[in-house]
Amino acid sequence: MLQDQNRRRFLQATGSAFAALAASGCMRVPVRSAAAPGAAPTTTLVPDPAGILDLPPGFSYRVLSRLDDEMSDGNRVPDRADGMGCFDLGGGKLALVRNHELSPQHDNGGVSGKAYDTVARSLVPLPGGTTTIVLDAHTLEVERVYRSLAGTIRNCAGGITPWGSWLSCEENTDRANGRINKDHGYVFEVPADAGGLVDPVPLREMGRFNHEAACVDPATGVVYMTEDKQDSLFYRFIPAVPGQLARGGRLQALMLNGVDDTSNRESVQVQVGQPVAGRWIDLDNVESPEDDLRQRGHAQGAAIIARGEGIWMGDGEMYFTATSGGAAEEGQIFRFRPSTDELTLFFESTDIAQYSYGDNLCVAPSGHLVVCEDQYTDTVDNHLRGITPSGQSYDLGRIRIQTEPAGVSFSPDGRTMFMNIYSPAMTLAIRGPWQDLWNG
């Protein structure tokens, strides 16, 4: 399998100059560090005649997949499309591995077969999991769509690995209760070239908590993870063998010098642009039967993050959102450099019209961030927001239906941005004059 070949290359390269494989899963174009200067583009969004997604002039989208489409395996496309990663399969083919944030009461699209868990005493798999879209990298024609993970709950976000797999994260900590048969709250690994349903193996030593997203530092193989709780922590998993997460490892949480709570909601403890030194503390009893991992970690000194969500690896640094952080409680973005263990508040919104409740994000080839908003009001639409390397926000898209954008990622050549519409589920491919946009 492609994943096995990539894993071997990863294991050979770990500890050397491996960062070339870094930034966006299948990205071959150079990714500039978002520490570089840059002014915000001036954008005017063009109304979409279909009433789905407004984009800047010259940009357009194609719908690759929709809710209830029949897939190649005979199942139907499930709803609630969330986090997603793009992978280069070789031979001019791409794979999009897409999460579905579904709970036990939701329709599972008719899936049967290998599953982590089933509903009560039935053999019906729980509806959460992933689907995979295989498409032509040049024409964007869809060649195959299939279920690749089943039997999980609320697969929210996750992350790409340098060895060609998607880490799908459960944002749920339900215990076996007669309605479901197993404990939940785990990370599952899905090879990009799985071809069908994978054997679902929970990566237990990565912790049982309200997982949101993950990213891998390609220089070390260490996995960094966020947690969607108001009192969440920032985690890292040091694998016993880099690239082989199922072989176990050590889970830690980030402690910050002089900072107990990064949210700035009651008192300002972190300043925009000011690095804060950190260190990591070991966590025990990581399967956390009482769902108290974050409380125990905080009692040991780990810093609180206000709803950690999307995370993405850039060039030697990663970025993650804190959805409800900030004095205005409209959201923050943090930058973390694993080489120095420094955390910096990169961006904090002061107004709902500027940026509100950032969730999934990715680092674009230009070094700009693309962030998906996840707020629901009667008066303000969710947007795709761009954030420049100097920390200025601008409009990149506007969702015209009452739902959220999710799962942004770029193709290997940087020409196409892929994105999900959460519900009713759609996956879009967006093309346009990216370089003109970023160069002003």
Protein backbone atom coordinates (compact mmCIF):
# COMPACT_ATOMS: atom_id res chain seq x y z
CA MET A 1 0.00 0.00 0.00
CA LEU A 2 1.02 3.61 -0.60
CA GLN A 3 0.83 4.27 3.14
CA ASP A 4 3.38 1.53 3.86
CA GLN A 5 5.78 2.96 1.27
CA ASN A 6 5.39 6.46 2.69
CA ARG A 7 5.80 5.16 6.25
CA ARG A 8 9.10 3.49 5.31
CA ARG A 9 10.34 6.73 3.74
CA PHE A 10 9.20 8.62 6.83
CA LEU A 11 11.04 6.28 9.20
CA GLN A 12 14.20 6.58 7.09
CA ALA A 13 13.93 10.38 7.00
CA THR A 14 12.89 11.12 10.60
CA GLY A 15 15.66 12.93 12.39
CA SER A 16 17.00 14.40 9.13
CA ALA A 17 15.75 17.13 6.81
CA PHE A 18 12.27 15.69 6.41
CA ALA A 19 10.32 18.92 6.50
CA ALA A 20 9.92 18.93 2.70
CA LEU A 21 6.98 16.57 3.08
CA ALA A 22 5.38 18.86 5.58
CA ALA A 23 2.80 21.32 5.18
CA SER A 24 -0.47 20.18 3.72
CA GLY A 25 -0.50 16.43 3.44
CA CYS A 26 -0.11 16.22 -0.29
CA MET A 27 1.58 19.58 -0.74
CA ARG A 28 4.53 19.70 -3.13
CA VAL A 29 4.62 23.46 -3.62
CA PRO A 30 6.77 25.37 -1.10
CA VAL A 31 4.85 26.72 1.89
CA ARG A 32 6.12 30.02 3.21
CA SER A 33 6.25 30.58 6.93
CA ALA A 34 3.38 32.70 8.18
CA ALA A 35 5.91 34.69 10.21
CA ALA A 36 6.69 36.71 7.05
CA PRO A 37 5.11 40.16 6.55
CA GLY A 38 2.16 40.71 4.24
CA ALA A 39 -0.76 43.08 3.75
CA ALA A 40 -4.35 41.83 3.66
CA PRO A 41 -5.85 41.48 0.17
CA THR A 42 -8.78 43.73 -0.66
CA THR A 43 -11.62 41.37 -1.52
CA THR A 44 -15.17 41.88 -2.73
CA LEU A 45 -17.21 38.70 -2.75
CA VAL A 46 -19.35 37.97 -5.79
CA PRO A 47 -22.86 36.66 -4.98
CA ASP A 48 -23.29 33.00 -5.96
CA PRO A 49 -26.33 32.50 -8.25
CA ALA A 50 -26.77 29.04 -6.70
CA GLY A 51 -26.93 30.58 -3.22
CA ILE A 52 -24.21 28.36 -1.72
CA LEU A 53 -20.79 30.08 -1.61
CA ASP A 54 -19.78 33.63 -2.54
CA LEU A 55 -16.16 33.94 -3.71
CA PRO A 56 -13.80 36.70 -4.89
CA PRO A 57 -13.88 37.70 -8.59
CA GLY A 58 -12.36 35.09 -10.88
CA PHE A 59 -12.96 32.20 -8.46
CA SER A 60 -15.41 29.36 -8.96
CA TYR A 61 -16.29 26.05 -7.35
CA ARG A 62 -17.33 22.59 -8.48
CA VAL A 63 -19.45 20.26 -6.32
CA LEU A 64 -17.66 16.91 -6.14
CA SER A 65 -20.00 15.09 -3.77
CA ARG A 66 -23.40 15.67 -2.12
CA LEU A 67 -25.47 14.24 0.71
CA ASP A 68 -27.28 11.04 -0.32
CA ASP A 69 -25.32 10.56 -3.56
CA GLU A 70 -24.82 6.87 -4.19
CA MET A 71 -21.19 5.94 -3.59
CA SER A 72 -19.09 3.36 -5.41
CA ASP A 73 -19.57 0.83 -2.60
CA GLY A 74 -23.38 1.09 -2.78
CA ASN A 75 -23.70 3.23 0.35
CA ARG A 76 -25.00 6.80 0.36
CA VAL A 77 -22.95 9.91 1.19
CA PRO A 78 -23.57 10.68 4.88
CA ASP A 79 -24.30 14.13 6.28
CA ARG A 80 -22.25 16.51 8.46
CA ALA A 81 -19.04 16.61 6.44
CA ASP A 82 -16.37 18.11 8.69
CA GLY A 83 -12.56 17.87 8.78
CA MET A 84 -10.81 16.60 5.65
CA GLY A 85 -7.32 15.93 4.30
CA CYS A 86 -5.93 15.84 0.75
CA PHE A 87 -3.43 13.15 -0.29
CA ASP A 88 -1.37 12.48 -3.40
CA LEU A 89 -1.95 8.85 -4.43
CA GLY A 90 0.51 9.05 -7.33
CA GLY A 91 -0.31 8.44 -10.96
CA GLY A 92 -2.21 11.73 -11.20
CA LYS A 93 -4.75 10.73 -8.54
CA LEU A 94 -5.76 12.49 -5.34
CA ALA A 95 -7.69 11.24 -2.34
CA LEU A 96 -9.83 13.34 -0.03
CA VAL A 97 -10.49 11.61 3.28
CA ARG A 98 -13.54 13.28 4.83
CA ASN A 99 -14.95 13.09 8.36
CA HIS A 100 -18.66 12.84 9.17
CA GLU A 101 -19.63 14.24 12.57
CA LEU A 102 -22.55 11.89 13.20
CA SER A 103 -24.02 10.67 16.49
CA PRO A 104 -25.88 7.39 17.22
CA GLN A 105 -29.31 8.87 16.42
CA HIS A 106 -28.28 9.90 12.89
CA ASP A 107 -28.69 8.01 9.63
CA ASN A 108 -25.55 6.07 8.71
CA GLY A 109 -26.17 6.05 4.96
CA GLY A 110 -26.74 2.30 4.81
CA VAL A 111 -23.20 1.27 5.74
CA SER A 112 -22.50 -2.29 6.87
CA GLY A 113 -19.32 -4.29 7.39
CA LYS A 114 -16.24 -3.57 9.50
CA ALA A 115 -17.08 -1.14 12.29
CA TYR A 116 -15.67 -0.09 15.64
CA ASP A 117 -19.07 -0.14 17.36
CA THR A 118 -22.70 -0.93 16.62
CA VAL A 119 -26.06 0.30 17.88
CA ALA A 120 -27.19 -1.66 20.96
CA ARG A 121 -27.53 -5.39 20.21
CA SER A 122 -27.94 -4.87 16.47
CA LEU A 123 -25.20 -5.28 13.90
CA VAL A 124 -25.84 -1.79 12.52
CA PRO A 125 -22.65 0.30 12.69
CA LEU A 126 -22.75 3.64 14.45
CA PRO A 127 -22.94 6.34 11.78
CA GLY A 128 -19.75 8.34 12.45
CA GLY A 129 -16.60 7.76 10.43
CA THR A 130 -15.00 8.77 7.16
CA THR A 131 -15.60 8.60 3.42
CA THR A 132 -12.88 8.80 0.77
CA ILE A 133 -13.13 10.53 -2.60
CA VAL A 134 -10.63 9.53 -5.31
CA LEU A 135 -10.32 11.98 -8.17
CA ASP A 136 -8.18 12.96 -11.14
CA ALA A 137 -5.71 15.61 -10.01
CA HIS A 138 -5.90 17.55 -13.28
CA THR A 139 -9.55 17.37 -14.33
CA LEU A 140 -11.02 16.93 -10.82
CA GLU A 141 -13.28 14.21 -12.16
CA VAL A 142 -14.44 11.91 -9.35
CA GLU A 143 -13.46 8.30 -9.97
CA ARG A 144 -14.56 6.60 -6.77
CA VAL A 145 -16.25 7.41 -3.44
CA TYR A 146 -16.45 4.92 -0.58
CA ARG A 147 -16.82 4.49 3.17
CA SER A 148 -13.39 4.11 4.79
CA LEU A 149 -14.17 4.16 8.57
CA ALA A 150 -17.39 3.17 10.33
CA GLY A 151 -18.79 2.67 13.81
CA THR A 152 -17.50 5.81 15.50
CA ILE A 153 -19.18 8.90 16.99
CA ARG A 154 -18.84 12.57 15.99
CA ASN A 155 -15.72 12.41 13.85
CA CYS A 156 -15.09 16.13 13.92
CA ALA A 157 -11.65 17.01 12.64
CA GLY A 158 -8.33 15.19 12.58
CA GLY A 159 -5.12 15.57 10.65
CA ILE A 160 -2.90 14.33 7.86
CA THR A 161 0.25 12.32 8.49
CA PRO A 162 3.49 12.44 6.47
CA TRP A 163 3.15 8.70 5.84
CA GLY A 164 -0.14 9.01 3.95
CA SER A 165 -2.98 8.53 6.42
CA TRP A 166 -5.73 10.58 8.02
CA LEU A 167 -6.12 10.71 11.80
CA SER A 168 -9.88 10.85 12.42
CA CYS A 169 -10.79 12.17 15.86
CA GLU A 170 -13.92 11.44 17.91
CA GLU A 171 -15.36 14.54 19.57
CA ASN A 172 -17.28 12.41 22.03
CA THR A 173 -16.56 10.58 25.29
CA ASP A 174 -19.63 8.35 25.65
CA ARG A 175 -19.14 5.10 27.54
CA ALA A 176 -20.68 1.73 26.77
CA ASN A 177 -24.22 2.11 28.11
CA GLY A 178 -26.51 -0.45 26.48
CA ARG A 179 -27.31 1.90 23.63
CA ILE A 180 -23.72 1.75 22.39
CA ASN A 181 -21.41 -1.16 23.07
CA LYS A 182 -17.96 0.41 23.51
CA ASP A 183 -16.28 3.44 25.04
CA HIS A 184 -15.57 6.33 22.68
CA GLY A 185 -13.25 9.34 22.57
CA TYR A 186 -10.36 8.03 20.48
CA VAL A 187 -8.27 8.71 17.41
CA PHE A 188 -8.47 6.28 14.46
CA GLU A 189 -6.03 6.03 11.55
CA VAL A 190 -7.33 5.75 7.97
CA PRO A 191 -4.85 5.16 5.11
CA ALA A 192 -5.53 7.47 2.17
CA ASP A 193 -5.50 4.49 -0.19
CA ALA A 194 -7.58 2.20 2.04
CA GLY A 195 -9.87 1.15 -0.84
CA GLY A 196 -12.72 0.30 1.55
CA LEU A 197 -13.57 0.03 5.22
CA VAL A 198 -10.47 -0.16 7.43
CA ASP A 199 -10.12 -2.33 10.50
CA PRO A 200 -11.00 0.33 13.10
CA VAL A 201 -8.30 0.35 15.78
CA PRO A 202 -8.63 2.98 18.53
CA LEU A 203 -5.25 4.54 19.32
CA ARG A 204 -5.81 4.33 23.05
CA GLU A 205 -2.48 5.70 24.26
CA MET A 206 -3.19 8.95 22.39
CA GLY A 207 -5.79 9.58 25.08
CA ARG A 208 -9.52 9.35 25.51
CA PHE A 209 -10.98 12.86 25.50
CA ASN A 210 -13.12 15.25 23.43
CA HIS A 211 -10.71 15.11 20.50
CA GLU A 212 -10.89 17.78 17.85
CA ALA A 213 -7.89 17.88 15.51
CA ALA A 214 -4.32 16.63 15.13
CA CYS A 215 -1.15 17.41 13.21
CA VAL A 216 2.22 15.70 12.92
CA ASP A 217 5.59 17.42 13.14
CA PRO A 218 7.39 15.79 10.18
CA ALA A 219 10.78 16.39 11.78
CA THR A 220 10.01 14.13 14.75
CA GLY A 221 6.77 12.22 14.15
CA VAL A 222 5.26 13.77 17.30
CA VAL A 223 1.49 14.29 17.09
CA TYR A 224 -0.06 17.50 18.46
CA MET A 225 -3.77 17.49 19.37
CA THR A 226 -6.53 19.90 20.33
CA GLU A 227 -9.62 19.39 22.48
CA ASP A 228 -12.99 21.08 22.05
CA LYS A 229 -13.90 22.09 25.59
CA GLN A 230 -14.10 25.48 27.26
CA ASP A 231 -11.36 24.29 29.63
CA SER A 232 -9.36 22.24 27.14
CA LEU A 233 -5.63 21.55 27.05
CA PHE A 234 -3.07 21.39 24.24
CA TYR A 235 -1.64 17.87 23.94
CA ARG A 236 1.21 16.06 22.28
CA PHE A 237 1.76 12.34 21.76
CA ILE A 238 5.35 11.08 21.54
CA PRO A 239 5.15 7.74 19.73
CA ALA A 240 7.36 4.86 20.82
CA VAL A 241 8.15 4.40 17.12
CA PRO A 242 7.65 7.47 14.88
CA GLY A 243 5.13 6.71 12.16
CA GLN A 244 3.67 3.71 13.99
CA LEU A 245 1.13 5.18 16.37
CA ALA A 246 -0.54 1.87 17.21
CA ARG A 247 2.64 0.80 19.00
CA GLY A 248 1.91 3.28 21.77
CA GLY A 249 3.76 6.17 23.31
CA ARG A 250 3.55 8.96 25.84
CA LEU A 251 0.83 11.64 26.18
CA GLN A 252 1.67 15.09 27.51
CA ALA A 253 0.05 18.51 27.97
CA LEU A 254 1.53 21.98 27.53
CA MET A 255 2.40 24.11 30.55
CA LEU A 256 3.16 27.81 29.95
CA ASN A 257 5.44 29.97 32.06
CA GLY A 258 3.32 32.43 34.03
CA VAL A 259 0.11 31.62 32.14
CA ASP A 260 -2.71 29.60 33.63
CA ASP A 261 -5.43 30.41 31.06
CA THR A 262 -4.82 31.63 27.50
CA SER A 263 -8.42 32.68 26.81
CA ASN A 264 -8.04 36.35 27.92
CA ARG A 265 -11.77 36.32 28.71
CA GLU A 266 -11.53 37.41 32.33
CA SER A 267 -8.01 38.83 32.44
CA VAL A 268 -5.40 39.26 29.73
CA GLN A 269 -2.64 36.72 30.29
CA VAL A 270 -1.23 36.49 26.75
CA GLN A 271 -0.45 39.36 24.36
CA VAL A 272 -0.71 39.14 20.57
CA GLY A 273 2.75 38.55 19.10
CA GLN A 274 4.49 37.85 22.42
CA PRO A 275 5.96 34.31 22.65
CA VAL A 276 5.41 32.42 25.91
CA ALA A 277 7.87 29.71 26.90
CA GLY A 278 6.37 26.30 27.53
CA ARG A 279 7.26 22.85 28.73
CA TRP A 280 5.47 19.53 28.64
CA ILE A 281 4.11 17.51 31.55
CA ASP A 282 3.37 13.80 31.44
CA LEU A 283 -0.23 12.62 31.84
CA ASP A 284 -1.26 9.32 33.38
CA ASN A 285 -4.41 7.20 33.18
CA VAL A 286 -4.88 8.61 29.67
CA GLU A 287 -7.99 6.52 28.91
CA SER A 288 -9.65 8.68 31.55
CA PRO A 289 -12.76 6.65 32.49
CA GLU A 290 -14.13 9.71 34.32
CA ASP A 291 -13.44 12.04 31.36
CA ASP A 292 -11.30 14.20 33.64
CA LEU A 293 -8.00 14.18 31.76
CA ARG A 294 -8.07 17.94 31.19
CA GLN A 295 -8.91 18.70 34.85
CA ARG A 296 -6.11 16.47 36.10
CA GLY A 297 -3.71 18.00 33.58
CA HIS A 298 -4.66 21.53 34.60
CA ALA A 299 -4.18 20.63 38.27
CA GLN A 300 -0.61 19.64 37.30
CA GLY A 301 -0.07 23.06 35.72
CA ALA A 302 -1.18 22.68 32.10
CA ALA A 303 -2.60 25.86 30.54
CA ILE A 304 -6.28 26.18 29.60
CA ILE A 305 -7.27 26.79 25.97
CA ALA A 306 -10.79 28.06 25.16
CA ARG A 307 -12.10 25.35 22.82
CA GLY A 308 -9.06 24.23 20.86
CA GLU A 309 -10.18 23.17 17.37
CA GLY A 310 -8.47 23.14 13.96
CA ILE A 311 -4.70 22.63 13.82
CA TRP A 312 -2.32 22.56 10.83
CA MET A 313 1.42 22.19 10.34
CA GLY A 314 3.24 24.91 8.42
CA ASP A 315 6.96 25.39 7.90
CA GLY A 316 8.46 24.45 11.25
CA GLU A 317 5.45 25.82 13.12
CA MET A 318 1.81 24.92 13.60
CA TYR A 319 -1.33 26.98 14.00
CA PHE A 320 -4.48 26.14 15.93
CA THR A 321 -7.75 27.89 16.67
CA ALA A 322 -9.30 28.59 20.07
CA THR A 323 -12.89 29.01 19.00
CA SER A 324 -14.31 31.05 21.87
CA GLY A 325 -11.09 32.62 23.15
CA GLY A 326 -10.32 36.30 23.42
CA ALA A 327 -11.65 39.27 25.38
CA ALA A 328 -14.50 39.58 22.85
CA GLU A 329 -14.97 35.77 22.93
CA GLU A 330 -14.91 35.73 19.10
CA GLY A 331 -11.85 33.50 18.73
CA GLN A 332 -8.08 33.28 18.77
CA ILE A 333 -5.36 31.66 16.66
CA PHE A 334 -2.16 30.41 18.28
CA ARG A 335 1.19 29.60 16.70
CA PHE A 336 3.36 26.91 18.26
CA ARG A 337 6.99 26.19 17.37
CA PRO A 338 7.98 22.67 18.43
CA SER A 339 11.71 23.38 18.16
CA THR A 340 11.50 25.93 20.99
CA ASP A 341 8.24 24.94 22.74
CA GLU A 342 7.07 28.55 22.45
CA LEU A 343 3.40 29.45 22.09
CA THR A 344 2.40 32.79 20.55
CA LEU A 345 -1.04 34.36 20.33
CA PHE A 346 -0.97 35.03 16.58
CA PHE A 347 -4.44 36.56 16.17
CA GLU A 348 -7.34 37.58 18.40
CA SER A 349 -10.64 38.81 17.00
CA THR A 350 -12.16 41.96 18.47
CA ASP A 351 -15.45 41.91 16.52
CA ILE A 352 -17.86 39.38 15.02
CA ALA A 353 -17.60 41.08 11.62
CA GLN A 354 -13.82 40.68 11.63
CA TYR A 355 -13.66 36.98 12.48
CA SER A 356 -15.96 34.80 14.55
CA TYR A 357 -15.56 31.32 16.01
CA GLY A 358 -12.78 30.01 13.77
CA ASP A 359 -12.79 26.22 13.60
CA ASN A 360 -11.04 24.15 10.89
CA LEU A 361 -8.05 25.82 9.25
CA CYS A 362 -5.14 25.13 6.94
CA VAL A 363 -1.91 26.83 5.91
CA ALA A 364 -2.06 27.85 2.24
CA PRO A 365 0.98 27.69 -0.07
CA SER A 366 1.42 31.45 0.39
CA GLY A 367 1.73 31.12 4.17
CA HIS A 368 -1.70 32.70 4.64
CA LEU A 369 -4.13 30.84 6.89
CA VAL A 370 -7.56 29.83 5.63
CA VAL A 371 -10.03 29.52 8.52
CA CYS A 372 -13.59 28.14 8.57
CA GLU A 373 -16.02 30.01 10.80
CA ASP A 374 -18.45 28.02 12.94
CA GLN A 375 -20.98 30.41 14.47
CA TYR A 376 -24.72 30.48 14.04
CA THR A 377 -26.61 33.76 14.28
CA ASP A 378 -29.66 35.12 12.47
CA THR A 379 -27.79 38.14 11.14
CA VAL A 380 -24.23 37.03 10.26
CA ASP A 381 -23.20 34.36 7.76
CA ASN A 382 -20.31 32.00 8.31
CA HIS A 383 -17.25 32.94 6.28
CA LEU A 384 -14.02 31.56 5.02
CA ARG A 385 -11.52 34.00 6.49
CA GLY A 386 -8.01 34.53 5.24
CA ILE A 387 -5.36 35.57 7.75
CA THR A 388 -2.17 37.11 6.36
CA PRO A 389 1.32 36.24 7.64
CA SER A 390 1.20 39.54 9.56
CA GLY A 391 -2.08 38.60 11.27
CA GLN A 392 -4.64 40.60 9.29
CA SER A 393 -8.01 39.04 8.42
CA TYR A 394 -9.89 39.31 5.13
CA ASP A 395 -12.92 37.73 3.48
CA LEU A 396 -12.22 34.71 1.28
CA GLY A 397 -15.75 33.29 1.03
CA ARG A 398 -19.24 33.52 2.50
CA ILE A 399 -21.58 30.58 3.07
CA ARG A 400 -25.07 31.53 1.92
CA ILE A 401 -26.91 28.72 3.72
CA GLN A 402 -27.20 28.33 7.48
CA THR A 403 -24.33 25.93 7.97
CA GLU A 404 -20.55 26.06 8.28
CA PRO A 405 -17.55 25.58 5.98
CA ALA A 406 -15.13 22.86 7.03
CA GLY A 407 -12.22 20.69 5.96
CA VAL A 408 -10.16 23.16 3.92
CA SER A 409 -6.99 21.83 2.27
CA PHE A 410 -5.00 22.44 -0.91
CA SER A 411 -4.00 20.19 -3.79
CA PRO A 412 -0.32 19.29 -4.38
CA ASP A 413 0.11 21.90 -7.10
CA GLY A 414 -1.63 24.62 -5.05
CA ARG A 415 -4.22 25.27 -7.77
CA THR A 416 -7.24 23.83 -5.97
CA MET A 417 -8.65 24.37 -2.51
CA PHE A 418 -11.01 21.66 -1.31
CA MET A 419 -13.72 22.44 1.23
CA ASN A 420 -16.75 20.84 2.82
CA ILE A 421 -20.18 22.28 3.42
CA TYR A 422 -21.19 20.75 6.75
CA SER A 423 -24.92 20.13 6.21
CA PRO A 424 -26.45 19.26 3.84
CA ALA A 425 -23.05 17.69 3.16
CA MET A 426 -21.18 18.82 0.06
CA THR A 427 -17.53 18.71 -0.94
CA LEU A 428 -16.33 21.52 -3.21
CA ALA A 429 -13.24 22.11 -5.33
CA ILE A 430 -12.39 25.82 -5.62
CA ARG A 431 -10.11 27.29 -8.27
CA GLY A 432 -9.12 30.81 -9.20
CA PRO A 433 -6.24 33.31 -9.36
CA TRP A 434 -4.66 32.42 -6.02
CA GLN A 435 -1.34 34.10 -6.71
CA ASP A 436 -3.03 37.35 -7.75
CA LEU A 437 -5.09 37.28 -4.56
CA TRP A 438 -2.12 36.67 -2.26
CA ASN A 439 0.20 39.06 -4.06
CA GLY A 440 -2.31 41.88 -3.79
